[in-house]
Amino acid sequence: QPNSKIAALLKNGRIEYTCLDGVKSSVEY
């Protein structure tokens, strides 16, 4: 049940992630 764990750690409602080439991006949850 990951949803509550993930939702508690969002930054402005977004998941921040890194691609293998080092580019950082984010996506709305």
PDB file of all heavy atoms in Angstrom:
ATOM      1  N   GLN A   1       0.844  -1.187   0.000  1.00  0.00           N
ATOM      2  CA  GLN A   1       0.000   0.000   0.000  1.00  0.00           C
ATOM      3  C   GLN A   1       0.883   1.243   0.000  1.00  0.00           C
ATOM      4  O   GLN A   1       1.013   1.928   1.007  1.00  0.00           O
ATOM      5  CB  GLN A   1      -0.931  -0.004   1.228  1.00  0.00           C
ATOM      6  CG  GLN A   1      -1.841  -1.200   1.307  1.00  0.00           C
ATOM      7  CD  GLN A   1      -2.872  -1.222   0.203  1.00  0.00           C
ATOM      8  OE1 GLN A   1      -3.356  -0.178  -0.225  1.00  0.00           O
ATOM      9  NE2 GLN A   1      -3.199  -2.390  -0.288  1.00  0.00           N
ATOM     10  N   PRO A   2       1.510   1.557  -1.142  1.00  0.00           N
ATOM     11  CA  PRO A   2       2.479   2.650  -1.157  1.00  0.00           C
ATOM     12  C   PRO A   2       1.871   4.050  -1.184  1.00  0.00           C
ATOM     13  O   PRO A   2       2.543   5.021  -0.851  1.00  0.00           O
ATOM     14  CB  PRO A   2       3.258   2.402  -2.448  1.00  0.00           C
ATOM     15  CG  PRO A   2       2.282   1.711  -3.334  1.00  0.00           C
ATOM     16  CD  PRO A   2       1.460   0.850  -2.414  1.00  0.00           C
ATOM     17  N   ASN A   3       0.605   4.195  -1.561  1.00  0.00           N
ATOM     18  CA  ASN A   3       0.049   5.526  -1.817  1.00  0.00           C
ATOM     19  C   ASN A   3       0.189   6.486  -0.644  1.00  0.00           C
ATOM     20  O   ASN A   3       0.580   7.630  -0.832  1.00  0.00           O
ATOM     21  CB  ASN A   3      -1.403   5.430  -2.262  1.00  0.00           C
ATOM     22  CG  ASN A   3      -1.535   4.755  -3.615  1.00  0.00           C
ATOM     23  OD1 ASN A   3      -0.535   4.462  -4.266  1.00  0.00           O
ATOM     24  ND2 ASN A   3      -2.740   4.491  -4.030  1.00  0.00           N
ATOM     25  N   SER A   4      -0.120   6.041   0.555  1.00  0.00           N
ATOM     26  CA  SER A   4      -0.047   6.961   1.698  1.00  0.00           C
ATOM     27  C   SER A   4       1.403   7.327   2.005  1.00  0.00           C
ATOM     28  O   SER A   4       1.689   8.460   2.384  1.00  0.00           O
ATOM     29  CB  SER A   4      -0.720   6.356   2.921  1.00  0.00           C
ATOM     30  OG  SER A   4      -0.060   5.178   3.319  1.00  0.00           O
ATOM     31  N   LYS A   5       2.322   6.374   1.844  1.00  0.00           N
ATOM     32  CA  LYS A   5       3.737   6.665   2.096  1.00  0.00           C
ATOM     33  C   LYS A   5       4.268   7.683   1.080  1.00  0.00           C
ATOM     34  O   LYS A   5       4.989   8.608   1.426  1.00  0.00           O
ATOM     35  CB  LYS A   5       4.561   5.376   2.019  1.00  0.00           C
ATOM     36  CG  LYS A   5       4.286   4.389   3.126  1.00  0.00           C
ATOM     37  CD  LYS A   5       5.091   3.125   2.903  1.00  0.00           C
ATOM     38  CE  LYS A   5       4.649   2.004   3.784  1.00  0.00           C
ATOM     39  NZ  LYS A   5       3.337   1.458   3.432  1.00  0.00           N
ATOM     40  N   ILE A   6       3.922   7.490  -0.185  1.00  0.00           N
ATOM     41  CA  ILE A   6       4.385   8.393  -1.242  1.00  0.00           C
ATOM     42  C   ILE A   6       3.752   9.767  -1.074  1.00  0.00           C
ATOM     43  O   ILE A   6       4.438  10.783  -1.114  1.00  0.00           O
ATOM     44  CB  ILE A   6       4.072   7.807  -2.634  1.00  0.00           C
ATOM     45  CG1 ILE A   6       4.896   6.532  -2.854  1.00  0.00           C
ATOM     46  CG2 ILE A   6       4.363   8.829  -3.733  1.00  0.00           C
ATOM     47  CD1 ILE A   6       4.471   5.716  -4.057  1.00  0.00           C
ATOM     48  N   ALA A   7       2.451   9.817  -0.878  1.00  0.00           N
ATOM     49  CA  ALA A   7       1.733  11.091  -0.771  1.00  0.00           C
ATOM     50  C   ALA A   7       2.288  11.959   0.355  1.00  0.00           C
ATOM     51  O   ALA A   7       2.358  13.181   0.229  1.00  0.00           O
ATOM     52  CB  ALA A   7       0.244  10.838  -0.577  1.00  0.00           C
ATOM     53  N   ALA A   8       2.710  11.330   1.437  1.00  0.00           N
ATOM     54  CA  ALA A   8       3.237  12.085   2.579  1.00  0.00           C
ATOM     55  C   ALA A   8       4.571  12.763   2.268  1.00  0.00           C
ATOM     56  O   ALA A   8       4.956  13.713   2.943  1.00  0.00           O
ATOM     57  CB  ALA A   8       3.397  11.153   3.775  1.00  0.00           C
ATOM     58  N   LEU A   9       5.282  12.302   1.227  1.00  0.00           N
ATOM     59  CA  LEU A   9       6.616  12.821   0.931  1.00  0.00           C
ATOM     60  C   LEU A   9       6.681  13.634  -0.363  1.00  0.00           C
ATOM     61  O   LEU A   9       7.768  13.973  -0.829  1.00  0.00           O
ATOM     62  CB  LEU A   9       7.612  11.655   0.856  1.00  0.00           C
ATOM     63  CG  LEU A   9       7.766  10.878   2.165  1.00  0.00           C
ATOM     64  CD1 LEU A   9       8.625   9.637   1.951  1.00  0.00           C
ATOM     65  CD2 LEU A   9       8.348  11.755   3.258  1.00  0.00           C
ATOM     66  N   LEU A  10       5.538  13.965  -0.926  1.00  0.00           N
ATOM     67  CA  LEU A  10       5.518  14.752  -2.159  1.00  0.00           C
ATOM     68  C   LEU A  10       5.992  16.173  -1.906  1.00  0.00           C
ATOM     69  O   LEU A  10       5.835  16.707  -0.804  1.00  0.00           O
ATOM     70  CB  LEU A  10       4.103  14.800  -2.737  1.00  0.00           C
ATOM     71  CG  LEU A  10       3.529  13.472  -3.215  1.00  0.00           C
ATOM     72  CD1 LEU A  10       2.084  13.662  -3.644  1.00  0.00           C
ATOM     73  CD2 LEU A  10       4.351  12.890  -4.346  1.00  0.00           C
ATOM     74  N   LYS A  11       6.546  16.773  -2.929  1.00  0.00           N
ATOM     75  CA  LYS A  11       6.951  18.176  -2.872  1.00  0.00           C
ATOM     76  C   LYS A  11       6.013  18.949  -3.787  1.00  0.00           C
ATOM     77  O   LYS A  11       6.060  18.785  -5.000  1.00  0.00           O
ATOM     78  CB  LYS A  11       8.408  18.331  -3.299  1.00  0.00           C
ATOM     79  CG  LYS A  11       9.337  17.633  -2.325  1.00  0.00           C
ATOM     80  CD  LYS A  11      10.776  17.740  -2.709  1.00  0.00           C
ATOM     81  CE  LYS A  11      11.596  17.009  -1.650  1.00  0.00           C
ATOM     82  NZ  LYS A  11      12.813  16.460  -2.136  1.00  0.00           N
ATOM     83  N   ASN A  12       5.135  19.751  -3.190  1.00  0.00           N
ATOM     84  CA  ASN A  12       4.134  20.518  -3.937  1.00  0.00           C
ATOM     85  C   ASN A  12       3.262  19.620  -4.805  1.00  0.00           C
ATOM     86  O   ASN A  12       2.926  19.964  -5.936  1.00  0.00           O
ATOM     87  CB  ASN A  12       4.795  21.599  -4.799  1.00  0.00           C
ATOM     88  CG  ASN A  12       5.538  22.610  -3.956  1.00  0.00           C
ATOM     89  OD1 ASN A  12       5.048  23.019  -2.903  1.00  0.00           O
ATOM     90  ND2 ASN A  12       6.716  23.000  -4.393  1.00  0.00           N
ATOM     91  N   GLY A  13       2.923  18.434  -4.298  1.00  0.00           N
ATOM     92  CA  GLY A  13       2.049  17.523  -5.021  1.00  0.00           C
ATOM     93  C   GLY A  13       2.726  16.796  -6.168  1.00  0.00           C
ATOM     94  O   GLY A  13       2.059  16.206  -7.012  1.00  0.00           O
ATOM     95  N   ARG A  14       4.049  16.835  -6.212  1.00  0.00           N
ATOM     96  CA  ARG A  14       4.792  16.258  -7.337  1.00  0.00           C
ATOM     97  C   ARG A  14       5.827  15.247  -6.856  1.00  0.00           C
ATOM     98  O   ARG A  14       6.363  15.368  -5.757  1.00  0.00           O
ATOM     99  CB  ARG A  14       5.482  17.355  -8.132  1.00  0.00           C
ATOM    100  CG  ARG A  14       4.523  18.413  -8.678  1.00  0.00           C
ATOM    101  CD  ARG A  14       5.232  19.500  -9.434  1.00  0.00           C
ATOM    102  NE  ARG A  14       5.698  19.046 -10.737  1.00  0.00           N
ATOM    103  CZ  ARG A  14       4.943  19.009 -11.837  1.00  0.00           C
ATOM    104  NH1 ARG A  14       3.699  19.389 -11.808  1.00  0.00           N
ATOM    105  NH2 ARG A  14       5.463  18.591 -12.983  1.00  0.00           N
ATOM    106  N   ILE A  15       6.120  14.282  -7.712  1.00  0.00           N
ATOM    107  CA  ILE A  15       7.233  13.361  -7.501  1.00  0.00           C
ATOM    108  C   ILE A  15       8.413  13.917  -8.281  1.00  0.00           C
ATOM    109  O   ILE A  15       8.321  14.111  -9.494  1.00  0.00           O
ATOM    110  CB  ILE A  15       6.900  11.941  -8.014  1.00  0.00           C
ATOM    111  CG1 ILE A  15       5.769  11.329  -7.187  1.00  0.00           C
ATOM    112  CG2 ILE A  15       8.148  11.048  -7.974  1.00  0.00           C
ATOM    113  CD1 ILE A  15       5.285   9.993  -7.717  1.00  0.00           C
ATOM    114  N   GLU A  16       9.490  14.193  -7.595  1.00  0.00           N
ATOM    115  CA  GLU A  16      10.712  14.639  -8.263  1.00  0.00           C
ATOM    116  C   GLU A  16      11.550  13.406  -8.556  1.00  0.00           C
ATOM    117  O   GLU A  16      11.713  12.541  -7.691  1.00  0.00           O
ATOM    118  CB  GLU A  16      11.468  15.617  -7.370  1.00  0.00           C
ATOM    119  CG  GLU A  16      10.692  16.905  -7.142  1.00  0.00           C
ATOM    120  CD  GLU A  16      11.431  17.887  -6.257  1.00  0.00           C
ATOM    121  OE1 GLU A  16      12.496  17.548  -5.714  1.00  0.00           O
ATOM    122  OE2 GLU A  16      10.921  19.010  -6.106  1.00  0.00           O
ATOM    123  N   TYR A  17      12.062  13.320  -9.781  1.00  0.00           N
ATOM    124  CA  TYR A  17      12.835  12.149 -10.170  1.00  0.00           C
ATOM    125  C   TYR A  17      14.024  12.552 -11.024  1.00  0.00           C
ATOM    126  O   TYR A  17      14.100  13.655 -11.543  1.00  0.00           O
ATOM    127  CB  TYR A  17      11.968  11.118 -10.904  1.00  0.00           C
ATOM    128  CG  TYR A  17      11.403  11.595 -12.220  1.00  0.00           C
ATOM    129  CD1 TYR A  17      12.085  11.382 -13.413  1.00  0.00           C
ATOM    130  CD2 TYR A  17      10.174  12.242 -12.278  1.00  0.00           C
ATOM    131  CE1 TYR A  17      11.569  11.817 -14.627  1.00  0.00           C
ATOM    132  CE2 TYR A  17       9.644  12.668 -13.479  1.00  0.00           C
ATOM    133  CZ  TYR A  17      10.346  12.446 -14.652  1.00  0.00           C
ATOM    134  OH  TYR A  17       9.826  12.878 -15.851  1.00  0.00           O
ATOM    135  N   THR A  18      14.962  11.615 -11.155  1.00  0.00           N
ATOM    136  CA  THR A  18      16.153  11.807 -11.966  1.00  0.00           C
ATOM    137  C   THR A  18      16.169  10.741 -13.050  1.00  0.00           C
ATOM    138  O   THR A  18      15.863   9.575 -12.784  1.00  0.00           O
ATOM    139  CB  THR A  18      17.419  11.671 -11.102  1.00  0.00           C
ATOM    140  OG1 THR A  18      17.343  12.604 -10.025  1.00  0.00           O
ATOM    141  CG2 THR A  18      18.677  11.949 -11.909  1.00  0.00           C
ATOM    142  N   CYS A  19      16.537  11.141 -14.253  1.00  0.00           N
ATOM    143  CA  CYS A  19      16.733  10.194 -15.354  1.00  0.00           C
ATOM    144  C   CYS A  19      18.193   9.737 -15.324  1.00  0.00           C
ATOM    145  O   CYS A  19      19.040  10.366 -14.693  1.00  0.00           O
ATOM    146  CB  CYS A  19      16.422  10.851 -16.696  1.00  0.00           C
ATOM    147  SG  CYS A  19      14.703  11.383 -16.834  1.00  0.00           S
ATOM    148  N   LEU A  20      18.488   8.646 -16.011  1.00  0.00           N
ATOM    149  CA  LEU A  20      19.855   8.118 -15.993  1.00  0.00           C
ATOM    150  C   LEU A  20      20.880   9.091 -16.543  1.00  0.00           C
ATOM    151  O   LEU A  20      22.044   9.047 -16.169  1.00  0.00           O
ATOM    152  CB  LEU A  20      19.930   6.804 -16.767  1.00  0.00           C
ATOM    153  CG  LEU A  20      19.323   5.605 -16.068  1.00  0.00           C
ATOM    154  CD1 LEU A  20      19.563   4.348 -16.882  1.00  0.00           C
ATOM    155  CD2 LEU A  20      19.873   5.438 -14.669  1.00  0.00           C
ATOM    156  N   ASP A  21      20.448   9.991 -17.423  1.00  0.00           N
ATOM    157  CA  ASP A  21      21.394  10.967 -17.979  1.00  0.00           C
ATOM    158  C   ASP A  21      21.623  12.151 -17.047  1.00  0.00           C
ATOM    159  O   ASP A  21      22.309  13.102 -17.385  1.00  0.00           O
ATOM    160  CB  ASP A  21      20.940  11.443 -19.356  1.00  0.00           C
ATOM    161  CG  ASP A  21      19.573  12.105 -19.336  1.00  0.00           C
ATOM    162  OD1 ASP A  21      19.007  12.320 -18.226  1.00  0.00           O
ATOM    163  OD2 ASP A  21      19.055  12.415 -20.420  1.00  0.00           O
ATOM    164  N   GLY A  22      21.025  12.087 -15.838  1.00  0.00           N
ATOM    165  CA  GLY A  22      21.226  13.120 -14.839  1.00  0.00           C
ATOM    166  C   GLY A  22      20.200  14.236 -14.870  1.00  0.00           C
ATOM    167  O   GLY A  22      20.181  15.092 -13.992  1.00  0.00           O
ATOM    168  N   VAL A  23      19.338  14.236 -15.874  1.00  0.00           N
ATOM    169  CA  VAL A  23      18.306  15.263 -15.976  1.00  0.00           C
ATOM    170  C   VAL A  23      17.291  15.063 -14.856  1.00  0.00           C
ATOM    171  O   VAL A  23      16.807  13.955 -14.629  1.00  0.00           O
ATOM    172  CB  VAL A  23      17.620  15.217 -17.357  1.00  0.00           C
ATOM    173  CG1 VAL A  23      16.439  16.175 -17.408  1.00  0.00           C
ATOM    174  CG2 VAL A  23      18.613  15.541 -18.454  1.00  0.00           C
ATOM    175  N   LYS A  24      16.986  16.139 -14.154  1.00  0.00           N
ATOM    176  CA  LYS A  24      15.995  16.092 -13.085  1.00  0.00           C
ATOM    177  C   LYS A  24      14.675  16.639 -13.607  1.00  0.00           C
ATOM    178  O   LYS A  24      14.649  17.593 -14.377  1.00  0.00           O
ATOM    179  CB  LYS A  24      16.466  16.902 -11.882  1.00  0.00           C
ATOM    180  CG  LYS A  24      17.700  16.311 -11.237  1.00  0.00           C
ATOM    181  CD  LYS A  24      18.079  17.065  -9.980  1.00  0.00           C
ATOM    182  CE  LYS A  24      19.341  16.546  -9.375  1.00  0.00           C
ATOM    183  NZ  LYS A  24      19.242  15.258  -8.768  1.00  0.00           N
ATOM    184  N   SER A  25      13.592  16.016 -13.171  1.00  0.00           N
ATOM    185  CA  SER A  25      12.272  16.443 -13.602  1.00  0.00           C
ATOM    186  C   SER A  25      11.285  16.112 -12.489  1.00  0.00           C
ATOM    187  O   SER A  25      11.668  15.628 -11.426  1.00  0.00           O
ATOM    188  CB  SER A  25      11.880  15.729 -14.909  1.00  0.00           C
ATOM    189  OG  SER A  25      10.731  16.327 -15.459  1.00  0.00           O
ATOM    190  N   SER A  26      10.021  16.375 -12.746  1.00  0.00           N
ATOM    191  CA  SER A  26       8.992  16.027 -11.778  1.00  0.00           C
ATOM    192  C   SER A  26       7.683  15.771 -12.512  1.00  0.00           C
ATOM    193  O   SER A  26       7.515  16.167 -13.667  1.00  0.00           O
ATOM    194  CB  SER A  26       8.811  17.143 -10.738  1.00  0.00           C
ATOM    195  OG  SER A  26       8.286  18.301 -11.341  1.00  0.00           O
ATOM    196  N   VAL A  27       6.792  15.086 -11.829  1.00  0.00           N
ATOM    197  CA  VAL A  27       5.485  14.767 -12.390  1.00  0.00           C
ATOM    198  C   VAL A  27       4.453  14.928 -11.279  1.00  0.00           C
ATOM    199  O   VAL A  27       4.715  14.593 -10.122  1.00  0.00           O
ATOM    200  CB  VAL A  27       5.469  13.331 -12.987  1.00  0.00           C
ATOM    201  CG1 VAL A  27       5.753  12.274 -11.941  1.00  0.00           C
ATOM    202  CG2 VAL A  27       4.159  13.048 -13.680  1.00  0.00           C
ATOM    203  N   GLU A  28       3.294  15.475 -11.635  1.00  0.00           N
ATOM    204  CA  GLU A  28       2.220  15.589 -10.653  1.00  0.00           C
ATOM    205  C   GLU A  28       1.806  14.189 -10.229  1.00  0.00           C
ATOM    206  O   GLU A  28       1.715  13.278 -11.048  1.00  0.00           O
ATOM    207  CB  GLU A  28       1.025  16.331 -11.245  1.00  0.00           C
ATOM    208  CG  GLU A  28       1.269  17.809 -11.409  1.00  0.00           C
ATOM    209  CD  GLU A  28       0.021  18.548 -11.862  1.00  0.00           C
ATOM    210  OE1 GLU A  28      -1.101  18.103 -11.537  1.00  0.00           O
ATOM    211  OE2 GLU A  28       0.182  19.576 -12.524  1.00  0.00           O
ATOM    212  N   TYR A  29       1.532  14.028  -8.950  1.00  0.00           N
ATOM    213  CA  TYR A  29       1.207  12.708  -8.419  1.00  0.00           C
ATOM    214  C   TYR A  29      -0.034  12.133  -9.088  1.00  0.00           C
ATOM    215  O   TYR A  29      -0.076  10.938  -9.395  1.00  0.00           O
ATOM    216  CB  TYR A  29       1.046  12.770  -6.903  1.00  0.00           C
ATOM    217  CG  TYR A  29       0.862  11.410  -6.280  1.00  0.00           C
ATOM    218  CD1 TYR A  29       1.820  10.418  -6.448  1.00  0.00           C
ATOM    219  CD2 TYR A  29      -0.266  11.120  -5.533  1.00  0.00           C
ATOM    220  CE1 TYR A  29       1.659   9.163  -5.877  1.00  0.00           C
ATOM    221  CE2 TYR A  29      -0.434   9.869  -4.960  1.00  0.00           C
ATOM    222  CZ  TYR A  29       0.524   8.896  -5.138  1.00  0.00           C
ATOM    223  OH  TYR A  29       0.348   7.658  -4.576  1.00  0.00           O
TER     224      TYR A  29
END
